Amino acid sequence: MKTILIVVEGGIIQDVLGIPEGVQVVVCDYDVEGVDIEGYIENGRLFRVNGKLCTQIAYEANEDTTGEMDTDDAIPVTEIVKDDEEDAR
């Protein structure tokens, strides 16, 4: 199986989509401040990589991850206007 490693620090992964069969996506998140460390230890998802703690979760192809996001209604943003700033809040 091929593995894709995504490294995150200070960001949030909402979902991982479009994973083909035979591929595993591993998210390694170094932002562990405020995380339930004991819960991650119990689930076997807390690791030390290069001396730093991180949580890891693996995604594989299944009916929830093989789909694609519906981008038919997506509109490219070429500039930020006041309405966009209010939506972001």
N, C-alpha and C. Protein backbone atom coordinates (compact mmCIF):
# COMPACT_ATOMS: atom_id res chain seq x y z
N MET A 1 0.84 -1.17 0.00
CA MET A 1 0.00 0.00 0.00
C MET A 1 0.89 1.24 0.00
N LYS A 2 0.52 2.23 -0.78
CA LYS A 2 1.24 3.50 -0.82
C LYS A 2 0.68 4.41 0.27
N THR A 3 1.55 5.23 0.84
CA THR A 3 1.13 6.14 1.91
C THR A 3 1.46 7.57 1.53
N ILE A 4 0.50 8.46 1.78
CA ILE A 4 0.70 9.89 1.64
C ILE A 4 0.68 10.45 3.06
N LEU A 5 1.70 11.20 3.43
CA LEU A 5 1.79 11.78 4.77
C LEU A 5 1.48 13.27 4.69
N ILE A 6 0.52 13.71 5.48
CA ILE A 6 0.18 15.12 5.57
C ILE A 6 0.60 15.58 6.96
N VAL A 7 1.42 16.62 7.02
CA VAL A 7 1.91 17.15 8.30
C VAL A 7 1.17 18.45 8.58
N VAL A 8 0.58 18.54 9.77
CA VAL A 8 -0.22 19.70 10.16
C VAL A 8 0.31 20.24 11.47
N GLU A 9 0.39 21.56 11.56
CA GLU A 9 0.70 22.20 12.83
C GLU A 9 -0.07 23.52 12.85
N GLY A 10 -1.07 23.59 13.70
CA GLY A 10 -1.87 24.81 13.80
C GLY A 10 -3.00 24.90 12.79
N GLY A 11 -3.31 23.84 12.10
CA GLY A 11 -4.42 23.84 11.14
C GLY A 11 -5.41 22.76 11.46
N ILE A 12 -6.52 22.77 10.76
CA ILE A 12 -7.57 21.78 10.99
C ILE A 12 -7.89 21.09 9.67
N ILE A 13 -7.82 19.77 9.67
CA ILE A 13 -8.23 18.98 8.52
C ILE A 13 -9.72 18.70 8.68
N GLN A 14 -10.53 19.13 7.74
CA GLN A 14 -11.97 18.90 7.82
C GLN A 14 -12.33 17.52 7.30
N ASP A 15 -11.68 17.08 6.23
CA ASP A 15 -11.98 15.78 5.63
C ASP A 15 -10.90 15.45 4.62
N VAL A 16 -10.78 14.20 4.28
CA VAL A 16 -9.85 13.75 3.25
C VAL A 16 -10.69 12.97 2.24
N LEU A 17 -10.76 13.48 1.01
CA LEU A 17 -11.60 12.89 -0.03
C LEU A 17 -10.76 12.47 -1.23
N GLY A 18 -11.33 11.60 -2.04
CA GLY A 18 -10.68 11.20 -3.29
C GLY A 18 -9.52 10.25 -3.10
N ILE A 19 -9.56 9.45 -2.07
CA ILE A 19 -8.48 8.50 -1.82
C ILE A 19 -8.69 7.28 -2.70
N PRO A 20 -7.75 6.99 -3.60
CA PRO A 20 -7.92 5.81 -4.45
C PRO A 20 -7.62 4.52 -3.69
N GLU A 21 -8.13 3.41 -4.20
CA GLU A 21 -7.85 2.11 -3.61
C GLU A 21 -6.34 1.89 -3.56
N GLY A 22 -5.86 1.26 -2.49
CA GLY A 22 -4.44 0.95 -2.36
C GLY A 22 -3.60 2.10 -1.84
N VAL A 23 -4.25 3.20 -1.42
CA VAL A 23 -3.53 4.36 -0.90
C VAL A 23 -4.06 4.67 0.50
N GLN A 24 -3.14 4.96 1.40
CA GLN A 24 -3.47 5.35 2.77
C GLN A 24 -2.96 6.77 2.97
N VAL A 25 -3.79 7.64 3.54
CA VAL A 25 -3.39 9.00 3.87
C VAL A 25 -3.25 9.09 5.38
N VAL A 26 -2.06 9.45 5.84
CA VAL A 26 -1.79 9.57 7.28
C VAL A 26 -1.61 11.05 7.60
N VAL A 27 -2.44 11.55 8.51
CA VAL A 27 -2.33 12.94 8.95
C VAL A 27 -1.58 12.94 10.28
N CYS A 28 -0.46 13.65 10.29
CA CYS A 28 0.39 13.77 11.47
C CYS A 28 0.26 15.21 11.97
N ASP A 29 -0.39 15.40 13.12
CA ASP A 29 -0.69 16.73 13.63
C ASP A 29 0.18 17.03 14.85
N TYR A 30 1.04 18.02 14.71
CA TYR A 30 1.96 18.39 15.79
C TYR A 30 1.34 19.39 16.77
N ASP A 31 0.12 19.85 16.50
CA ASP A 31 -0.55 20.80 17.39
C ASP A 31 -1.27 20.02 18.47
N VAL A 32 -0.56 19.60 19.51
CA VAL A 32 -1.12 18.74 20.54
C VAL A 32 -1.47 19.50 21.83
N GLU A 33 -1.27 20.80 21.84
CA GLU A 33 -1.61 21.59 23.03
C GLU A 33 -3.12 21.54 23.26
N GLY A 34 -3.51 21.17 24.46
CA GLY A 34 -4.93 21.10 24.80
C GLY A 34 -5.62 19.83 24.34
N VAL A 35 -4.87 18.89 23.77
CA VAL A 35 -5.43 17.63 23.29
C VAL A 35 -5.54 16.65 24.46
N ASP A 36 -6.54 15.79 24.40
CA ASP A 36 -6.71 14.73 25.40
C ASP A 36 -5.62 13.68 25.17
N ILE A 37 -4.44 13.94 25.73
CA ILE A 37 -3.28 13.07 25.52
C ILE A 37 -3.59 11.63 25.91
N GLU A 38 -4.23 11.44 27.07
CA GLU A 38 -4.53 10.09 27.54
C GLU A 38 -5.43 9.35 26.54
N GLY A 39 -6.40 10.05 25.98
CA GLY A 39 -7.29 9.43 24.99
C GLY A 39 -6.53 8.98 23.76
N TYR A 40 -5.58 9.81 23.29
CA TYR A 40 -4.78 9.43 22.12
C TYR A 40 -3.85 8.26 22.45
N ILE A 41 -3.32 8.23 23.67
CA ILE A 41 -2.47 7.11 24.07
C ILE A 41 -3.29 5.82 24.08
N GLU A 42 -4.49 5.88 24.68
CA GLU A 42 -5.36 4.70 24.74
C GLU A 42 -5.74 4.18 23.35
N ASN A 43 -5.92 5.11 22.40
CA ASN A 43 -6.29 4.72 21.04
C ASN A 43 -5.09 4.39 20.15
N GLY A 44 -3.88 4.51 20.72
CA GLY A 44 -2.68 4.21 19.94
C GLY A 44 -2.39 5.22 18.85
N ARG A 45 -2.81 6.47 19.08
CA ARG A 45 -2.65 7.49 18.04
C ARG A 45 -1.71 8.62 18.44
N LEU A 46 -0.95 8.46 19.54
CA LEU A 46 0.02 9.46 19.95
C LEU A 46 1.42 8.94 19.64
N PHE A 47 2.22 9.74 18.96
CA PHE A 47 3.56 9.32 18.53
C PHE A 47 4.57 10.39 18.87
N ARG A 48 5.82 10.01 18.89
CA ARG A 48 6.92 10.96 18.99
C ARG A 48 7.72 10.82 17.71
N VAL A 49 7.78 11.91 16.95
CA VAL A 49 8.51 11.92 15.68
C VAL A 49 9.56 13.02 15.76
N ASN A 50 10.81 12.63 15.54
CA ASN A 50 11.93 13.58 15.64
C ASN A 50 11.89 14.36 16.95
N GLY A 51 11.53 13.67 18.03
CA GLY A 51 11.54 14.28 19.36
C GLY A 51 10.32 15.12 19.69
N LYS A 52 9.36 15.24 18.76
CA LYS A 52 8.16 16.04 19.01
C LYS A 52 6.93 15.14 19.05
N LEU A 53 6.01 15.43 19.98
CA LEU A 53 4.77 14.67 20.04
C LEU A 53 3.85 15.06 18.90
N CYS A 54 3.13 14.07 18.38
CA CYS A 54 2.12 14.33 17.37
C CYS A 54 1.03 13.27 17.45
N THR A 55 -0.15 13.63 16.98
CA THR A 55 -1.22 12.66 16.85
C THR A 55 -1.26 12.21 15.40
N GLN A 56 -1.68 10.99 15.17
CA GLN A 56 -1.79 10.49 13.80
C GLN A 56 -3.12 9.79 13.62
N ILE A 57 -3.71 10.00 12.46
CA ILE A 57 -4.91 9.30 12.07
C ILE A 57 -4.75 8.91 10.60
N ALA A 58 -5.18 7.71 10.27
CA ALA A 58 -5.02 7.21 8.90
C ALA A 58 -6.38 7.12 8.22
N TYR A 59 -6.42 7.52 6.97
CA TYR A 59 -7.62 7.41 6.14
C TYR A 59 -7.31 6.47 4.98
N GLU A 60 -8.24 5.60 4.66
CA GLU A 60 -8.10 4.72 3.50
C GLU A 60 -9.34 4.84 2.65
N ALA A 61 -9.26 4.32 1.43
CA ALA A 61 -10.39 4.38 0.52
C ALA A 61 -11.58 3.64 1.11
N ASN A 62 -12.72 4.30 1.14
CA ASN A 62 -13.99 3.68 1.48
C ASN A 62 -15.08 4.55 0.87
N GLU A 63 -16.30 4.20 1.04
CA GLU A 63 -17.36 4.95 0.35
C GLU A 63 -17.43 6.40 0.80
N ASP A 64 -16.93 6.72 2.00
CA ASP A 64 -16.94 8.10 2.47
C ASP A 64 -15.77 8.92 1.94
N THR A 65 -14.67 8.26 1.56
CA THR A 65 -13.47 9.01 1.16
C THR A 65 -13.17 8.95 -0.32
N THR A 66 -13.89 8.14 -1.08
CA THR A 66 -13.58 8.05 -2.50
C THR A 66 -14.33 9.09 -3.32
N GLY A 67 -15.29 9.76 -2.70
CA GLY A 67 -16.04 10.79 -3.41
C GLY A 67 -15.21 12.04 -3.60
N GLU A 68 -15.78 12.98 -4.30
CA GLU A 68 -15.12 14.25 -4.51
C GLU A 68 -16.04 15.36 -4.04
N MET A 69 -15.47 16.49 -3.69
CA MET A 69 -16.29 17.62 -3.27
C MET A 69 -17.05 18.16 -4.47
N ASP A 70 -18.28 18.58 -4.25
CA ASP A 70 -19.09 19.17 -5.30
C ASP A 70 -18.63 20.61 -5.49
N THR A 71 -17.93 20.85 -6.59
CA THR A 71 -17.39 22.19 -6.83
C THR A 71 -18.12 22.89 -7.96
N ASP A 72 -19.28 22.34 -8.39
CA ASP A 72 -20.01 22.96 -9.50
C ASP A 72 -20.39 24.40 -9.19
N ASP A 73 -20.71 24.69 -7.93
CA ASP A 73 -21.12 26.04 -7.56
C ASP A 73 -19.98 26.88 -7.02
N ALA A 74 -18.76 26.40 -7.12
CA ALA A 74 -17.62 27.14 -6.60
C ALA A 74 -17.31 28.35 -7.48
N ILE A 75 -17.05 29.46 -6.83
CA ILE A 75 -16.73 30.70 -7.54
C ILE A 75 -15.34 31.12 -7.12
N PRO A 76 -14.43 31.33 -8.08
CA PRO A 76 -13.07 31.77 -7.72
C PRO A 76 -13.11 33.14 -7.03
N VAL A 77 -12.32 33.30 -6.00
CA VAL A 77 -12.23 34.58 -5.29
C VAL A 77 -11.03 35.32 -5.84
N THR A 78 -11.29 36.49 -6.39
CA THR A 78 -10.20 37.29 -6.95
C THR A 78 -9.87 38.48 -6.07
N GLU A 79 -10.79 38.83 -5.17
CA GLU A 79 -10.52 39.90 -4.21
C GLU A 79 -11.45 39.71 -3.01
N ILE A 80 -11.02 40.22 -1.88
CA ILE A 80 -11.83 40.13 -0.67
C ILE A 80 -12.65 41.41 -0.55
N VAL A 81 -13.95 41.24 -0.36
CA VAL A 81 -14.83 42.38 -0.17
C VAL A 81 -15.45 42.28 1.22
N LYS A 82 -16.14 43.32 1.66
CA LYS A 82 -16.68 43.37 3.02
C LYS A 82 -17.55 42.15 3.32
N ASP A 83 -18.40 41.71 2.40
CA ASP A 83 -19.27 40.55 2.65
C ASP A 83 -18.45 39.30 2.95
N ASP A 84 -17.31 39.11 2.25
CA ASP A 84 -16.45 37.95 2.50
C ASP A 84 -15.90 37.99 3.92
N GLU A 85 -15.49 39.16 4.38
CA GLU A 85 -14.94 39.29 5.72
C GLU A 85 -15.99 38.95 6.77
N GLU A 86 -17.25 39.36 6.54
CA GLU A 86 -18.32 39.04 7.49
C GLU A 86 -18.62 37.55 7.46
N ASP A 87 -18.60 36.91 6.28
CA ASP A 87 -18.84 35.46 6.18
C ASP A 87 -17.78 34.67 6.92
N ALA A 88 -16.54 35.17 6.93
CA ALA A 88 -15.43 34.46 7.55
C ALA A 88 -15.52 34.46 9.08
N ARG A 89 -16.33 35.36 9.62
CA ARG A 89 -16.44 35.46 11.09
C ARG A 89 -17.33 34.43 11.63
